[in-house]
Amino acid sequence: MNGCLRAALAAILLGLPALAPAGAIPFGEYRLLREGMDEAEILMRVGPPDWVSASGGPWGVDRRTWYYIPDGSYSGDWLTRIIFGHDGVVIRLERTPAWR
């Protein structure tokens, strides 16, 4: 899939209202995520995030962070943060226990 098609798919999927919270990402799916993946690849693997934040610099958005927040129904849930660079490519994956 070329970059323009992936960007269009990501824009479409992120523009749709979420019908239900994304929730925690199961470990089996999380372990398939990698630095270097783009937004469309993440959307296809784990779906849209619960929350998105962006931080900017003098020339626009430097990075965007997607949050997958567990609903608390399982005590082993993990909060997942996927951080994208300005080019929409994953630069860091973070996972922490949600209920400490």
N, C-alpha and C. Protein backbone atom coordinates (compact mmCIF):
# COMPACT_ATOMS: atom_id res chain seq x y z
N MET A 1 0.85 -1.17 0.00
CA MET A 1 0.00 0.00 0.00
C MET A 1 0.90 1.23 0.00
N ASN A 2 0.64 2.15 -0.92
CA ASN A 2 1.52 3.32 -1.00
C ASN A 2 1.22 4.33 0.10
N GLY A 3 2.13 5.28 0.26
CA GLY A 3 2.03 6.24 1.36
C GLY A 3 0.80 7.13 1.28
N CYS A 4 0.40 7.55 0.09
CA CYS A 4 -0.79 8.41 -0.05
C CYS A 4 -2.05 7.66 0.35
N LEU A 5 -2.15 6.41 -0.05
CA LEU A 5 -3.32 5.61 0.30
C LEU A 5 -3.38 5.38 1.80
N ARG A 6 -2.24 5.09 2.41
CA ARG A 6 -2.19 4.91 3.87
C ARG A 6 -2.60 6.18 4.59
N ALA A 7 -2.11 7.32 4.13
CA ALA A 7 -2.44 8.59 4.77
C ALA A 7 -3.94 8.87 4.64
N ALA A 8 -4.51 8.57 3.48
CA ALA A 8 -5.95 8.77 3.28
C ALA A 8 -6.75 7.86 4.20
N LEU A 9 -6.34 6.60 4.31
CA LEU A 9 -7.02 5.66 5.19
C LEU A 9 -6.95 6.13 6.64
N ALA A 10 -5.78 6.58 7.07
CA ALA A 10 -5.62 7.08 8.44
C ALA A 10 -6.53 8.28 8.68
N ALA A 11 -6.60 9.19 7.72
CA ALA A 11 -7.43 10.38 7.88
C ALA A 11 -8.91 10.00 7.98
N ILE A 12 -9.33 9.05 7.18
CA ILE A 12 -10.72 8.60 7.22
C ILE A 12 -11.04 7.95 8.55
N LEU A 13 -10.19 7.02 8.98
CA LEU A 13 -10.45 6.30 10.22
C LEU A 13 -10.38 7.19 11.44
N LEU A 14 -9.47 8.13 11.47
CA LEU A 14 -9.38 9.05 12.61
C LEU A 14 -10.51 10.05 12.62
N GLY A 15 -11.10 10.31 11.46
CA GLY A 15 -12.20 11.25 11.38
C GLY A 15 -13.53 10.66 11.82
N LEU A 16 -13.63 9.35 11.90
CA LEU A 16 -14.87 8.72 12.31
C LEU A 16 -15.01 8.77 13.82
N PRO A 17 -16.19 9.06 14.32
CA PRO A 17 -16.37 9.05 15.77
C PRO A 17 -16.27 7.64 16.31
N ALA A 18 -15.64 7.50 17.43
CA ALA A 18 -15.50 6.18 18.05
C ALA A 18 -16.84 5.78 18.67
N LEU A 19 -17.29 4.57 18.37
CA LEU A 19 -18.54 4.08 18.92
C LEU A 19 -18.34 3.52 20.31
N ALA A 20 -17.15 3.06 20.59
CA ALA A 20 -16.83 2.52 21.91
C ALA A 20 -15.37 2.84 22.19
N PRO A 21 -14.99 2.90 23.47
CA PRO A 21 -13.59 3.17 23.79
C PRO A 21 -12.69 2.08 23.21
N ALA A 22 -11.49 2.47 22.83
CA ALA A 22 -10.54 1.50 22.28
C ALA A 22 -10.12 0.51 23.35
N GLY A 23 -9.86 1.02 24.55
CA GLY A 23 -9.46 0.15 25.65
C GLY A 23 -8.02 -0.30 25.55
N ALA A 24 -7.69 -1.24 26.40
CA ALA A 24 -6.32 -1.75 26.46
C ALA A 24 -6.01 -2.57 25.21
N ILE A 25 -4.76 -2.56 24.83
CA ILE A 25 -4.30 -3.40 23.72
C ILE A 25 -3.79 -4.71 24.31
N PRO A 26 -4.38 -5.84 23.91
CA PRO A 26 -3.89 -7.12 24.42
C PRO A 26 -2.42 -7.33 24.06
N PHE A 27 -1.68 -8.03 24.92
CA PHE A 27 -0.25 -8.22 24.70
C PHE A 27 0.03 -8.88 23.35
N GLY A 28 -0.80 -9.81 22.94
CA GLY A 28 -0.59 -10.50 21.66
C GLY A 28 -0.59 -9.54 20.48
N GLU A 29 -1.39 -8.48 20.57
CA GLU A 29 -1.41 -7.47 19.51
C GLU A 29 -0.28 -6.45 19.71
N TYR A 30 -0.03 -6.08 20.96
CA TYR A 30 1.01 -5.09 21.25
C TYR A 30 2.38 -5.56 20.76
N ARG A 31 2.66 -6.84 20.94
CA ARG A 31 3.99 -7.33 20.56
C ARG A 31 4.24 -7.30 19.04
N LEU A 32 3.18 -7.10 18.26
CA LEU A 32 3.33 -6.99 16.81
C LEU A 32 3.61 -5.56 16.34
N LEU A 33 3.48 -4.61 17.25
CA LEU A 33 3.73 -3.21 16.90
C LEU A 33 5.23 -2.93 16.95
N ARG A 34 5.69 -2.08 16.05
CA ARG A 34 7.13 -1.79 15.95
C ARG A 34 7.37 -0.31 15.67
N GLU A 35 8.51 0.17 16.13
CA GLU A 35 8.95 1.50 15.72
C GLU A 35 9.16 1.44 14.21
N GLY A 36 8.83 2.53 13.52
CA GLY A 36 8.95 2.58 12.07
C GLY A 36 7.64 2.33 11.35
N MET A 37 6.62 1.79 12.06
CA MET A 37 5.30 1.62 11.44
C MET A 37 4.65 2.99 11.28
N ASP A 38 3.76 3.13 10.30
CA ASP A 38 3.06 4.40 10.16
C ASP A 38 1.67 4.32 10.79
N GLU A 39 0.98 5.46 10.82
CA GLU A 39 -0.31 5.54 11.50
C GLU A 39 -1.32 4.54 10.93
N ALA A 40 -1.36 4.38 9.63
CA ALA A 40 -2.32 3.46 9.02
C ALA A 40 -2.07 2.02 9.45
N GLU A 41 -0.81 1.63 9.56
CA GLU A 41 -0.48 0.27 10.01
C GLU A 41 -0.96 0.06 11.45
N ILE A 42 -0.78 1.06 12.30
CA ILE A 42 -1.23 0.94 13.69
C ILE A 42 -2.75 0.85 13.73
N LEU A 43 -3.43 1.70 12.95
CA LEU A 43 -4.90 1.65 12.91
C LEU A 43 -5.41 0.29 12.46
N MET A 44 -4.75 -0.30 11.48
CA MET A 44 -5.17 -1.61 10.99
C MET A 44 -4.95 -2.70 12.03
N ARG A 45 -3.91 -2.58 12.82
CA ARG A 45 -3.59 -3.62 13.83
C ARG A 45 -4.43 -3.50 15.10
N VAL A 46 -4.55 -2.27 15.63
CA VAL A 46 -5.19 -2.13 16.94
C VAL A 46 -6.37 -1.15 16.97
N GLY A 47 -6.67 -0.51 15.86
CA GLY A 47 -7.81 0.40 15.80
C GLY A 47 -7.47 1.79 16.29
N PRO A 48 -8.48 2.67 16.28
CA PRO A 48 -8.24 4.06 16.68
C PRO A 48 -8.00 4.18 18.19
N PRO A 49 -7.26 5.19 18.59
CA PRO A 49 -6.95 5.38 20.02
C PRO A 49 -8.11 5.98 20.79
N ASP A 50 -8.00 5.92 22.12
CA ASP A 50 -8.98 6.58 22.99
C ASP A 50 -8.74 8.08 23.05
N TRP A 51 -7.49 8.48 22.96
CA TRP A 51 -7.11 9.89 23.13
C TRP A 51 -5.88 10.17 22.29
N VAL A 52 -5.81 11.39 21.75
CA VAL A 52 -4.65 11.81 20.97
C VAL A 52 -4.18 13.15 21.50
N SER A 53 -2.88 13.28 21.70
CA SER A 53 -2.31 14.58 22.06
C SER A 53 -1.22 14.93 21.05
N ALA A 54 -1.00 16.21 20.88
CA ALA A 54 0.02 16.67 19.94
C ALA A 54 0.87 17.72 20.62
N SER A 55 2.16 17.70 20.31
CA SER A 55 3.06 18.74 20.79
C SER A 55 3.72 19.37 19.58
N GLY A 56 3.88 20.66 19.63
CA GLY A 56 4.37 21.35 18.45
C GLY A 56 5.65 22.10 18.67
N GLY A 57 6.20 22.49 17.58
CA GLY A 57 7.39 23.33 17.56
C GLY A 57 7.07 24.55 16.72
N PRO A 58 8.07 25.31 16.39
CA PRO A 58 7.84 26.53 15.63
C PRO A 58 7.30 26.29 14.21
N TRP A 59 7.46 25.07 13.68
CA TRP A 59 7.01 24.78 12.32
C TRP A 59 5.86 23.79 12.28
N GLY A 60 5.13 23.65 13.37
CA GLY A 60 3.97 22.75 13.38
C GLY A 60 4.12 21.64 14.40
N VAL A 61 3.39 20.57 14.18
CA VAL A 61 3.36 19.44 15.12
C VAL A 61 4.66 18.64 15.00
N ASP A 62 5.36 18.49 16.13
CA ASP A 62 6.59 17.70 16.16
C ASP A 62 6.29 16.23 16.38
N ARG A 63 5.33 15.98 17.26
CA ARG A 63 4.98 14.59 17.55
C ARG A 63 3.53 14.50 18.02
N ARG A 64 3.00 13.31 17.82
CA ARG A 64 1.63 13.02 18.23
C ARG A 64 1.68 11.75 19.06
N THR A 65 0.89 11.71 20.13
CA THR A 65 0.85 10.53 20.99
C THR A 65 -0.57 9.99 21.00
N TRP A 66 -0.68 8.69 20.72
CA TRP A 66 -1.97 8.01 20.80
C TRP A 66 -2.00 7.24 22.10
N TYR A 67 -3.13 7.32 22.80
CA TYR A 67 -3.31 6.63 24.07
C TYR A 67 -4.40 5.57 23.94
N TYR A 68 -4.09 4.39 24.41
CA TYR A 68 -5.06 3.30 24.51
C TYR A 68 -5.24 3.04 26.00
N ILE A 69 -6.42 3.40 26.52
CA ILE A 69 -6.66 3.44 27.95
C ILE A 69 -7.59 2.29 28.34
N PRO A 70 -7.15 1.43 29.25
CA PRO A 70 -8.00 0.31 29.68
C PRO A 70 -9.23 0.80 30.44
N ASP A 71 -10.28 0.00 30.43
CA ASP A 71 -11.52 0.40 31.10
C ASP A 71 -11.58 -0.02 32.56
N GLY A 72 -10.57 -0.74 33.04
CA GLY A 72 -10.53 -1.14 34.44
C GLY A 72 -11.24 -2.44 34.76
N SER A 73 -11.72 -3.12 33.73
CA SER A 73 -12.45 -4.37 33.97
C SER A 73 -11.52 -5.54 34.27
N TYR A 74 -10.24 -5.36 34.02
CA TYR A 74 -9.27 -6.43 34.24
C TYR A 74 -8.08 -5.84 34.98
N SER A 75 -7.67 -6.45 36.06
CA SER A 75 -6.61 -5.86 36.90
C SER A 75 -5.24 -5.87 36.23
N GLY A 76 -5.06 -6.64 35.17
CA GLY A 76 -3.77 -6.69 34.48
C GLY A 76 -3.68 -5.77 33.29
N ASP A 77 -4.64 -4.83 33.16
CA ASP A 77 -4.64 -3.93 32.01
C ASP A 77 -3.43 -3.00 32.02
N TRP A 78 -2.98 -2.67 30.81
CA TRP A 78 -1.84 -1.79 30.61
C TRP A 78 -2.26 -0.58 29.80
N LEU A 79 -1.74 0.59 30.18
CA LEU A 79 -1.91 1.81 29.40
C LEU A 79 -0.84 1.80 28.31
N THR A 80 -1.25 2.00 27.08
CA THR A 80 -0.31 1.99 25.97
C THR A 80 -0.25 3.38 25.34
N ARG A 81 0.97 3.86 25.12
CA ARG A 81 1.22 5.12 24.43
C ARG A 81 2.04 4.82 23.19
N ILE A 82 1.55 5.31 22.06
CA ILE A 82 2.27 5.16 20.79
C ILE A 82 2.62 6.57 20.32
N ILE A 83 3.90 6.85 20.20
CA ILE A 83 4.37 8.20 19.88
C ILE A 83 4.86 8.22 18.43
N PHE A 84 4.29 9.16 17.67
CA PHE A 84 4.63 9.32 16.25
C PHE A 84 5.45 10.59 16.07
N GLY A 85 6.40 10.55 15.17
CA GLY A 85 7.16 11.74 14.80
C GLY A 85 6.35 12.61 13.86
N HIS A 86 6.95 13.71 13.42
CA HIS A 86 6.26 14.66 12.54
C HIS A 86 5.83 14.03 11.22
N ASP A 87 6.48 12.93 10.84
CA ASP A 87 6.17 12.28 9.56
C ASP A 87 5.13 11.16 9.69
N GLY A 88 4.55 10.99 10.89
CA GLY A 88 3.52 9.98 11.08
C GLY A 88 4.04 8.57 11.27
N VAL A 89 5.32 8.44 11.60
CA VAL A 89 5.95 7.13 11.81
C VAL A 89 6.22 6.96 13.31
N VAL A 90 5.98 5.75 13.81
CA VAL A 90 6.19 5.46 15.23
C VAL A 90 7.66 5.65 15.59
N ILE A 91 7.91 6.46 16.63
CA ILE A 91 9.27 6.63 17.12
C ILE A 91 9.46 6.00 18.49
N ARG A 92 8.33 5.69 19.17
CA ARG A 92 8.46 5.08 20.50
C ARG A 92 7.14 4.40 20.90
N LEU A 93 7.28 3.26 21.53
CA LEU A 93 6.14 2.53 22.10
C LEU A 93 6.35 2.45 23.60
N GLU A 94 5.33 2.80 24.38
CA GLU A 94 5.44 2.74 25.84
C GLU A 94 4.24 1.98 26.40
N ARG A 95 4.48 1.20 27.43
CA ARG A 95 3.41 0.42 28.04
C ARG A 95 3.66 0.40 29.54
N THR A 96 2.66 0.82 30.33
CA THR A 96 2.80 0.84 31.79
C THR A 96 1.54 0.26 32.41
N PRO A 97 1.68 -0.34 33.60
CA PRO A 97 0.49 -0.85 34.29
C PRO A 97 -0.46 0.32 34.57
N ALA A 98 -1.73 0.10 34.31
CA ALA A 98 -2.70 1.19 34.45
C ALA A 98 -3.14 1.41 35.88
N TRP A 99 -3.16 0.39 36.68
CA TRP A 99 -3.76 0.49 38.01
C TRP A 99 -2.74 0.18 39.09
N ARG A 100 -1.82 1.08 39.33
CA ARG A 100 -0.83 0.89 40.38
C ARG A 100 -1.33 1.48 41.66
